[in-house]
Amino acid sequence: MIDWLGVATNGMWVLGLTGMLAAWSYFEYLATSRGQPVRQLLKTRAFTQPFSWTVAVFCVGVAASGGSWWQRLAWAAFTILFGVQAWRAREPRP
């Protein structure tokens, strides 16, 4: 019998990892095609927001996948921190 909850929770952290890799790869390609240092482009809000959302999805998946209560609590805290970072990255800075 298939454990659909396990498939869903493990799928979330895999989806988060693929999102992180996609965001990193795209912005690395963009930096090299523009002739800019990669580090300069990775500091922008355009990178921070999607990367932070995908890290938050990864953290949710790992927290839901199991472990002891303190591990779940730590991953939930990381989820909140990266979610806040992604949310703040969408707002223009003064």
N, C-alpha and C. Protein backbone atom coordinates (compact mmCIF):
# COMPACT_ATOMS: atom_id res chain seq x y z
N MET A 1 0.84 -1.18 0.00
CA MET A 1 0.00 0.00 0.00
C MET A 1 0.88 1.24 0.00
N ILE A 2 0.48 2.23 -0.75
CA ILE A 2 1.27 3.45 -0.88
C ILE A 2 0.96 4.40 0.27
N ASP A 3 2.00 4.91 0.88
CA ASP A 3 1.87 5.91 1.94
C ASP A 3 1.81 7.29 1.29
N TRP A 4 0.59 7.78 1.02
CA TRP A 4 0.42 9.03 0.29
C TRP A 4 0.90 10.23 1.09
N LEU A 5 0.79 10.17 2.41
CA LEU A 5 1.29 11.27 3.23
C LEU A 5 2.81 11.35 3.11
N GLY A 6 3.46 10.21 3.12
CA GLY A 6 4.92 10.19 2.94
C GLY A 6 5.33 10.68 1.57
N VAL A 7 4.57 10.32 0.56
CA VAL A 7 4.86 10.80 -0.80
C VAL A 7 4.72 12.31 -0.85
N ALA A 8 3.66 12.85 -0.23
CA ALA A 8 3.42 14.30 -0.26
C ALA A 8 4.50 15.06 0.50
N THR A 9 4.85 14.58 1.70
CA THR A 9 5.85 15.31 2.49
C THR A 9 7.24 15.22 1.87
N ASN A 10 7.60 14.05 1.39
CA ASN A 10 8.89 13.92 0.72
C ASN A 10 8.91 14.67 -0.60
N GLY A 11 7.77 14.73 -1.26
CA GLY A 11 7.68 15.50 -2.49
C GLY A 11 7.88 16.99 -2.26
N MET A 12 7.47 17.47 -1.10
CA MET A 12 7.65 18.90 -0.80
C MET A 12 9.12 19.26 -0.68
N TRP A 13 9.90 18.46 0.03
CA TRP A 13 11.31 18.84 0.17
C TRP A 13 12.05 18.65 -1.14
N VAL A 14 11.64 17.66 -1.95
CA VAL A 14 12.25 17.49 -3.27
C VAL A 14 11.89 18.68 -4.16
N LEU A 15 10.64 19.12 -4.10
CA LEU A 15 10.22 20.30 -4.86
C LEU A 15 11.00 21.54 -4.42
N GLY A 16 11.22 21.68 -3.11
CA GLY A 16 12.01 22.79 -2.60
C GLY A 16 13.44 22.77 -3.12
N LEU A 17 14.04 21.58 -3.13
CA LEU A 17 15.41 21.46 -3.65
C LEU A 17 15.49 21.80 -5.14
N THR A 18 14.50 21.34 -5.90
CA THR A 18 14.52 21.64 -7.33
C THR A 18 14.31 23.13 -7.57
N GLY A 19 13.48 23.76 -6.75
CA GLY A 19 13.29 25.21 -6.87
C GLY A 19 14.55 25.98 -6.54
N MET A 20 15.26 25.55 -5.50
CA MET A 20 16.52 26.21 -5.15
C MET A 20 17.52 26.08 -6.29
N LEU A 21 17.64 24.88 -6.84
CA LEU A 21 18.57 24.66 -7.94
C LEU A 21 18.18 25.47 -9.17
N ALA A 22 16.89 25.54 -9.46
CA ALA A 22 16.42 26.30 -10.62
C ALA A 22 16.71 27.80 -10.44
N ALA A 23 16.43 28.34 -9.26
CA ALA A 23 16.67 29.76 -9.02
C ALA A 23 18.16 30.06 -9.11
N TRP A 24 18.97 29.24 -8.47
CA TRP A 24 20.42 29.44 -8.49
C TRP A 24 20.96 29.36 -9.92
N SER A 25 20.53 28.35 -10.66
CA SER A 25 21.02 28.15 -12.02
C SER A 25 20.62 29.30 -12.93
N TYR A 26 19.36 29.74 -12.81
CA TYR A 26 18.90 30.83 -13.67
C TYR A 26 19.66 32.11 -13.40
N PHE A 27 19.86 32.46 -12.14
CA PHE A 27 20.55 33.71 -11.84
C PHE A 27 22.05 33.62 -12.11
N GLU A 28 22.62 32.44 -12.02
CA GLU A 28 24.01 32.27 -12.43
C GLU A 28 24.14 32.46 -13.94
N TYR A 29 23.22 31.88 -14.69
CA TYR A 29 23.21 32.07 -16.15
C TYR A 29 23.01 33.54 -16.50
N LEU A 30 22.09 34.20 -15.81
CA LEU A 30 21.81 35.61 -16.08
C LEU A 30 23.04 36.47 -15.80
N ALA A 31 23.73 36.18 -14.73
CA ALA A 31 24.93 36.96 -14.38
C ALA A 31 26.03 36.77 -15.41
N THR A 32 26.26 35.54 -15.83
CA THR A 32 27.33 35.31 -16.80
C THR A 32 26.97 35.87 -18.17
N SER A 33 25.68 35.84 -18.54
CA SER A 33 25.30 36.39 -19.84
C SER A 33 25.38 37.92 -19.85
N ARG A 34 25.23 38.54 -18.69
CA ARG A 34 25.36 40.00 -18.59
C ARG A 34 26.79 40.44 -18.32
N GLY A 35 27.65 39.50 -18.00
CA GLY A 35 29.04 39.83 -17.69
C GLY A 35 29.21 40.40 -16.29
N GLN A 36 28.27 40.11 -15.41
CA GLN A 36 28.32 40.59 -14.03
C GLN A 36 28.83 39.47 -13.12
N PRO A 37 29.38 39.84 -11.98
CA PRO A 37 29.72 38.80 -11.00
C PRO A 37 28.44 38.16 -10.46
N VAL A 38 28.48 36.88 -10.24
CA VAL A 38 27.31 36.15 -9.75
C VAL A 38 26.89 36.69 -8.39
N ARG A 39 27.85 37.00 -7.55
CA ARG A 39 27.57 37.49 -6.21
C ARG A 39 26.74 38.76 -6.23
N GLN A 40 26.99 39.62 -7.20
CA GLN A 40 26.25 40.88 -7.30
C GLN A 40 24.77 40.61 -7.59
N LEU A 41 24.48 39.68 -8.45
CA LEU A 41 23.10 39.38 -8.80
C LEU A 41 22.39 38.60 -7.70
N LEU A 42 23.13 37.81 -6.93
CA LEU A 42 22.52 37.03 -5.85
C LEU A 42 22.10 37.90 -4.67
N LYS A 43 22.56 39.12 -4.62
CA LYS A 43 22.18 40.04 -3.54
C LYS A 43 20.88 40.77 -3.84
N THR A 44 20.34 40.61 -5.02
CA THR A 44 19.14 41.35 -5.40
C THR A 44 17.87 40.70 -4.85
N ARG A 45 16.80 41.51 -4.78
CA ARG A 45 15.51 40.98 -4.34
C ARG A 45 14.95 39.99 -5.35
N ALA A 46 15.30 40.17 -6.61
CA ALA A 46 14.81 39.27 -7.65
C ALA A 46 15.27 37.84 -7.40
N PHE A 47 16.43 37.65 -6.79
CA PHE A 47 16.90 36.31 -6.44
C PHE A 47 16.39 35.89 -5.06
N THR A 48 16.44 36.81 -4.11
CA THR A 48 16.14 36.48 -2.72
C THR A 48 14.72 35.95 -2.54
N GLN A 49 13.76 36.57 -3.20
CA GLN A 49 12.37 36.16 -3.00
C GLN A 49 12.09 34.74 -3.47
N PRO A 50 12.36 34.37 -4.73
CA PRO A 50 12.04 32.98 -5.12
C PRO A 50 12.91 31.95 -4.40
N PHE A 51 14.17 32.29 -4.15
CA PHE A 51 15.04 31.34 -3.47
C PHE A 51 14.56 31.10 -2.04
N SER A 52 14.17 32.16 -1.35
CA SER A 52 13.70 32.00 0.03
C SER A 52 12.39 31.22 0.10
N TRP A 53 11.48 31.44 -0.86
CA TRP A 53 10.24 30.67 -0.88
C TRP A 53 10.53 29.19 -1.07
N THR A 54 11.45 28.87 -1.96
CA THR A 54 11.74 27.45 -2.19
C THR A 54 12.46 26.82 -1.00
N VAL A 55 13.28 27.59 -0.30
CA VAL A 55 13.91 27.08 0.92
C VAL A 55 12.84 26.83 1.98
N ALA A 56 11.86 27.72 2.05
CA ALA A 56 10.76 27.53 3.01
C ALA A 56 9.96 26.26 2.67
N VAL A 57 9.72 26.00 1.39
CA VAL A 57 9.01 24.78 0.99
C VAL A 57 9.85 23.55 1.37
N PHE A 58 11.15 23.63 1.16
CA PHE A 58 12.05 22.54 1.56
C PHE A 58 11.95 22.29 3.06
N CYS A 59 11.97 23.36 3.85
CA CYS A 59 11.91 23.21 5.31
C CYS A 59 10.58 22.62 5.77
N VAL A 60 9.48 23.00 5.12
CA VAL A 60 8.19 22.41 5.45
C VAL A 60 8.20 20.91 5.17
N GLY A 61 8.76 20.54 4.03
CA GLY A 61 8.82 19.12 3.68
C GLY A 61 9.66 18.32 4.64
N VAL A 62 10.79 18.86 5.05
CA VAL A 62 11.65 18.13 5.99
C VAL A 62 10.98 18.06 7.36
N ALA A 63 10.34 19.14 7.78
CA ALA A 63 9.65 19.14 9.08
C ALA A 63 8.51 18.12 9.10
N ALA A 64 7.81 18.01 7.99
CA ALA A 64 6.67 17.09 7.93
C ALA A 64 7.09 15.64 7.70
N SER A 65 8.32 15.43 7.26
CA SER A 65 8.76 14.07 6.94
C SER A 65 9.03 13.21 8.15
N GLY A 66 9.19 13.80 9.29
CA GLY A 66 9.39 12.97 10.47
C GLY A 66 10.51 13.48 11.33
N GLY A 67 10.94 12.65 12.23
CA GLY A 67 11.97 13.03 13.18
C GLY A 67 11.36 13.29 14.54
N SER A 68 12.20 13.66 15.46
CA SER A 68 11.72 13.94 16.82
C SER A 68 11.08 15.33 16.86
N TRP A 69 10.44 15.63 17.98
CA TRP A 69 9.71 16.89 18.10
C TRP A 69 10.62 18.09 17.98
N TRP A 70 11.85 18.00 18.52
CA TRP A 70 12.74 19.16 18.48
C TRP A 70 13.27 19.40 17.07
N GLN A 71 13.41 18.33 16.27
CA GLN A 71 13.81 18.51 14.88
C GLN A 71 12.69 19.18 14.08
N ARG A 72 11.48 18.75 14.32
CA ARG A 72 10.34 19.37 13.64
C ARG A 72 10.21 20.84 14.04
N LEU A 73 10.45 21.12 15.30
CA LEU A 73 10.38 22.50 15.78
C LEU A 73 11.46 23.36 15.14
N ALA A 74 12.66 22.83 15.02
CA ALA A 74 13.76 23.58 14.39
C ALA A 74 13.47 23.85 12.91
N TRP A 75 12.97 22.84 12.19
CA TRP A 75 12.63 23.04 10.77
C TRP A 75 11.46 23.99 10.61
N ALA A 76 10.52 23.96 11.54
CA ALA A 76 9.40 24.91 11.49
C ALA A 76 9.91 26.33 11.71
N ALA A 77 10.89 26.50 12.61
CA ALA A 77 11.47 27.83 12.82
C ALA A 77 12.19 28.31 11.56
N PHE A 78 12.92 27.42 10.91
CA PHE A 78 13.57 27.80 9.64
C PHE A 78 12.54 28.17 8.58
N THR A 79 11.42 27.44 8.57
CA THR A 79 10.36 27.75 7.62
C THR A 79 9.85 29.16 7.83
N ILE A 80 9.61 29.51 9.08
CA ILE A 80 9.12 30.85 9.39
C ILE A 80 10.15 31.91 9.02
N LEU A 81 11.41 31.67 9.34
CA LEU A 81 12.45 32.64 9.04
C LEU A 81 12.60 32.88 7.53
N PHE A 82 12.63 31.81 6.76
CA PHE A 82 12.76 31.98 5.31
C PHE A 82 11.49 32.54 4.69
N GLY A 83 10.33 32.21 5.25
CA GLY A 83 9.09 32.79 4.77
C GLY A 83 9.05 34.30 5.01
N VAL A 84 9.50 34.72 6.18
CA VAL A 84 9.56 36.16 6.47
C VAL A 84 10.56 36.85 5.55
N GLN A 85 11.70 36.22 5.32
CA GLN A 85 12.69 36.80 4.42
C GLN A 85 12.13 36.94 3.00
N ALA A 86 11.41 35.93 2.53
CA ALA A 86 10.82 36.01 1.20
C ALA A 86 9.73 37.08 1.14
N TRP A 87 8.94 37.18 2.19
CA TRP A 87 7.88 38.18 2.23
C TRP A 87 8.46 39.59 2.24
N ARG A 88 9.52 39.79 3.01
CA ARG A 88 10.15 41.12 3.06
C ARG A 88 10.87 41.46 1.77
N ALA A 89 11.31 40.47 1.03
CA ALA A 89 12.03 40.72 -0.21
C ALA A 89 11.11 41.26 -1.30
N ARG A 90 9.80 41.06 -1.16
CA ARG A 90 8.88 41.55 -2.17
C ARG A 90 8.61 43.04 -2.03
N GLU A 91 8.86 43.61 -0.86
CA GLU A 91 8.60 45.02 -0.61
C GLU A 91 9.79 45.86 -1.06
N PRO A 92 9.53 46.99 -1.72
CA PRO A 92 10.65 47.85 -2.11
C PRO A 92 11.31 48.46 -0.87
N ARG A 93 12.60 48.51 -0.89
CA ARG A 93 13.34 49.09 0.23
C ARG A 93 13.43 50.59 0.05
N PRO A 94 13.40 51.32 1.18
CA PRO A 94 13.48 52.79 1.08
C PRO A 94 14.85 53.27 0.67
